[in-house]
């Protein structure tokens, strides 16, 4: 039963990603998380992700200068932010 629910959730996420054309968004990161505004389930991890993503971009923008260039690759920024 758990495997069926897991695949149903994966399929739902794929449908959402395709319906919103999320693959075409290259200007910023995105994440699909399950949550409920009614029960609160999943809201805190989602908010934590948003705060971490914004903090990573703020940290990144404050470290970039002519003397300290950083790659424009998002994965490099995440790795550098996580290491800090």
Protein backbone atom coordinates (compact mmCIF):
# COMPACT_ATOMS: atom_id res chain seq x y z
CA UNK A 1 0.00 0.00 0.00
CA UNK A 2 2.82 2.42 0.93
CA UNK A 3 4.52 1.87 -2.44
CA UNK A 4 1.29 2.70 -4.28
CA UNK A 5 0.87 5.93 -2.30
CA UNK A 6 4.50 6.85 -2.92
CA UNK A 7 4.11 6.40 -6.68
CA UNK A 8 0.84 8.34 -6.63
CA UNK A 9 2.59 11.25 -4.90
CA UNK A 10 5.48 11.14 -7.37
CA UNK A 11 3.02 11.15 -10.27
CA UNK A 12 1.15 14.10 -8.75
CA UNK A 13 4.41 16.06 -8.42
CA UNK A 14 5.30 15.30 -12.04
CA UNK A 15 1.87 16.48 -13.19
CA UNK A 16 2.21 19.72 -11.19
CA UNK A 17 5.73 20.32 -12.53
CA UNK A 18 4.59 19.81 -16.11
CA UNK A 19 1.37 21.83 -15.73
CA UNK A 20 3.31 24.81 -14.37
CA UNK A 21 6.22 24.36 -16.83
CA UNK A 22 8.62 24.53 -13.91
CA UNK A 23 11.48 23.08 -16.00
CA UNK A 24 11.49 26.31 -18.01
CA UNK A 25 12.17 28.46 -14.94
CA UNK A 26 15.91 29.06 -14.97
CA UNK A 27 16.04 32.37 -13.09
CA UNK A 28 15.52 30.86 -9.63
CA UNK A 29 15.11 27.61 -7.77
CA UNK A 30 11.79 25.97 -7.11
CA UNK A 31 10.53 23.07 -5.02
CA UNK A 32 7.24 21.18 -4.84
CA UNK A 33 6.33 20.16 -1.28
CA UNK A 34 3.17 18.64 0.04
CA UNK A 35 1.54 20.72 2.76
CA UNK A 36 -1.82 21.61 4.24
CA UNK A 37 -2.91 25.07 5.24
CA UNK A 38 -5.76 23.47 7.20
CA UNK A 39 -3.74 21.05 9.36
CA UNK A 40 -0.32 22.69 9.07
CA UNK A 41 1.31 19.45 7.92
CA UNK A 42 4.41 20.20 5.88
CA UNK A 43 4.24 23.98 6.24
CA UNK A 44 7.27 24.40 8.48
CA UNK A 45 9.64 22.41 6.23
CA UNK A 46 8.37 24.43 3.26
CA UNK A 47 8.94 27.72 5.03
CA UNK A 48 12.39 26.54 6.15
CA UNK A 49 13.25 25.80 2.52
CA UNK A 50 12.09 29.25 1.37
CA UNK A 51 14.07 30.99 4.12
CA UNK A 52 17.17 28.94 3.31
CA UNK A 53 16.84 29.65 -0.40
CA UNK A 54 16.43 33.39 0.11
CA UNK A 55 19.24 33.48 2.69
CA UNK A 56 21.47 31.65 0.23
CA UNK A 57 20.81 34.22 -2.46
CA UNK A 58 21.31 37.14 -0.06
CA UNK A 59 24.57 35.62 1.16
CA UNK A 60 25.62 34.98 -2.44
CA UNK A 61 24.90 38.54 -3.56
CA UNK A 62 26.85 39.96 -0.62
CA UNK A 63 29.92 37.86 -1.46
CA UNK A 64 30.12 38.69 -5.16
CA UNK A 65 32.39 41.55 -6.11
CA UNK A 66 35.02 42.30 -8.72
CA UNK A 67 37.65 41.01 -6.29
CA UNK A 68 35.69 37.88 -5.36
CA UNK A 69 33.84 36.47 -8.40
CA UNK A 70 31.71 33.38 -7.92
CA UNK A 71 30.41 31.09 -10.65
CA UNK A 72 26.92 31.81 -11.98
CA UNK A 73 26.03 28.13 -11.68
CA UNK A 74 23.24 27.61 -9.12
CA UNK A 75 24.72 24.31 -7.92
CA UNK A 76 28.04 26.03 -7.19
CA UNK A 77 26.22 28.72 -5.17
CA UNK A 78 24.34 26.13 -3.15
CA UNK A 79 27.52 24.17 -2.45
CA UNK A 80 29.41 27.32 -1.41
CA UNK A 81 26.55 28.50 0.81
CA UNK A 82 26.18 25.06 2.43
CA UNK A 83 29.92 24.93 3.13
CA UNK A 84 29.90 28.35 4.83
